[in-house]
Amino acid sequence: MIDRLRASKREAEAADTTRGAQAGRLWAERDAEYEWLKRLADETCLRSQPFETLRAAIDPYEQIDPGEVHEICFGEENNTSNEYIAGFIDGAVEAFAEVRHEID
């Protein structure tokens, strides 16, 4: 039973990461501001938790309510595990890396 549940957990985490990466790419393409993506890509906002990293990229001076940051990034999506958010960041950074040379 333990092995089966561990495997199930790994699959769920991998699915969350993939789903988050797809959402992060879309967010980078449609909604994200240059400075947010730059901070994420340059890793100047790394924190111990993925949401806090994302929050620091968007609101480095912590002036925005965390709920608003969540809305900016995820909209109506409520199923945002740490794996989803880490994937989201990776997807956004990857999308930005593909075009950054044309911007900077």
Protein backbone atom coordinates (compact mmCIF):
# COMPACT_ATOMS: atom_id res chain seq x y z
CA MET A 1 0.00 0.00 0.00
CA ILE A 2 2.77 2.45 0.90
CA ASP A 3 4.57 1.94 -2.41
CA ARG A 4 1.35 2.44 -4.34
CA LEU A 5 0.55 5.65 -2.46
CA ARG A 6 4.07 6.96 -2.92
CA ALA A 7 3.79 6.32 -6.64
CA SER A 8 0.40 8.02 -6.70
CA LYS A 9 1.86 11.02 -4.87
CA ARG A 10 4.76 11.29 -7.34
CA GLU A 11 2.34 11.17 -10.26
CA ALA A 12 0.14 13.86 -8.75
CA GLU A 13 3.14 16.10 -8.05
CA ALA A 14 4.46 15.61 -11.60
CA ALA A 15 1.04 16.44 -13.03
CA ASP A 16 0.87 19.60 -10.90
CA THR A 17 4.34 20.65 -12.08
CA THR A 18 3.40 20.12 -15.73
CA ARG A 19 0.10 21.94 -15.35
CA GLY A 20 1.86 24.80 -13.57
CA ALA A 21 4.53 25.08 -16.27
CA GLN A 22 1.86 25.37 -18.96
CA ALA A 23 0.03 28.05 -16.97
CA GLY A 24 3.26 29.93 -16.24
CA ARG A 25 4.19 30.04 -19.91
CA LEU A 26 0.77 31.38 -20.80
CA TRP A 27 0.97 33.97 -18.02
CA ALA A 28 4.38 35.12 -19.26
CA GLU A 29 3.07 35.43 -22.81
CA ARG A 30 -0.14 37.26 -21.93
CA ASP A 31 -0.02 38.99 -18.58
CA ALA A 32 3.37 39.22 -16.89
CA GLU A 33 5.30 42.46 -16.72
CA TYR A 34 8.91 42.62 -17.89
CA GLU A 35 10.28 43.40 -14.41
CA TRP A 36 8.47 40.43 -12.86
CA LEU A 37 9.91 38.03 -15.40
CA LYS A 38 13.36 39.60 -15.14
CA ARG A 39 13.41 39.13 -11.37
CA LEU A 40 12.32 35.52 -11.73
CA ALA A 41 14.83 34.79 -14.49
CA ASP A 42 17.70 36.52 -12.69
CA GLU A 43 16.78 34.70 -9.47
CA THR A 44 16.99 37.94 -7.50
CA CYS A 45 13.84 37.05 -5.60
CA LEU A 46 14.48 33.45 -4.52
CA ARG A 47 12.75 32.47 -1.30
CA SER A 48 12.31 29.14 0.46
CA GLN A 49 8.72 28.67 -0.77
CA PRO A 50 7.67 28.96 -4.44
CA PHE A 51 4.77 31.33 -3.76
CA GLU A 52 7.03 33.65 -1.79
CA THR A 53 9.49 33.68 -4.71
CA LEU A 54 6.69 34.62 -7.06
CA ARG A 55 5.38 37.23 -4.66
CA ALA A 56 8.85 38.79 -4.31
CA ALA A 57 9.14 39.01 -8.10
CA ILE A 58 5.82 40.81 -8.45
CA ASP A 59 5.88 42.82 -5.24
CA PRO A 60 9.46 43.19 -3.98
CA TYR A 61 8.42 45.75 -1.36
CA GLU A 62 5.50 43.66 -0.07
CA GLN A 63 2.89 46.33 -0.63
CA ILE A 64 0.30 44.08 -2.27
CA ASP A 65 -1.87 41.62 -0.37
CA PRO A 66 -0.80 37.99 -1.01
CA GLY A 67 -4.35 37.23 -2.20
CA GLU A 68 -3.99 39.87 -4.90
CA VAL A 69 -0.65 38.39 -5.99
CA HIS A 70 -2.38 35.01 -6.19
CA GLU A 71 -5.11 36.57 -8.37
CA ILE A 72 -2.53 38.27 -10.63
CA CYS A 73 -0.79 34.98 -11.27
CA PHE A 74 -3.42 32.29 -11.05
CA GLY A 75 -6.74 34.00 -11.55
CA GLU A 76 -9.50 31.61 -10.54
CA GLU A 77 -7.15 28.62 -10.12
CA ASN A 78 -7.25 27.43 -6.51
CA ASN A 79 -5.37 24.16 -6.84
CA THR A 80 -1.92 25.70 -6.50
CA SER A 81 0.38 23.30 -4.69
CA ASN A 82 4.07 24.07 -4.25
CA GLU A 83 4.74 21.80 -7.24
CA TYR A 84 2.25 23.74 -9.37
CA ILE A 85 3.80 27.08 -8.39
CA ALA A 86 7.37 25.85 -8.96
CA GLY A 87 6.30 24.61 -12.40
CA PHE A 88 4.55 27.93 -13.02
CA ILE A 89 7.78 29.81 -12.29
CA ASP A 90 9.79 27.47 -14.51
CA GLY A 91 7.33 27.83 -17.38
CA ALA A 92 7.32 31.62 -17.11
CA VAL A 93 11.12 31.82 -16.95
CA GLU A 94 11.47 29.47 -19.90
CA ALA A 95 9.09 31.54 -22.02
CA PHE A 96 10.93 34.74 -21.06
CA ALA A 97 14.32 33.20 -21.87
CA GLU A 98 13.12 32.50 -25.42
CA VAL A 99 12.49 36.20 -26.12
CA ARG A 100 14.68 38.08 -23.67
CA HIS A 101 17.50 38.59 -26.16
CA GLU A 102 15.07 40.54 -28.35
CA ILE A 103 14.09 42.83 -25.47
CA ASP A 104 17.31 43.54 -23.55
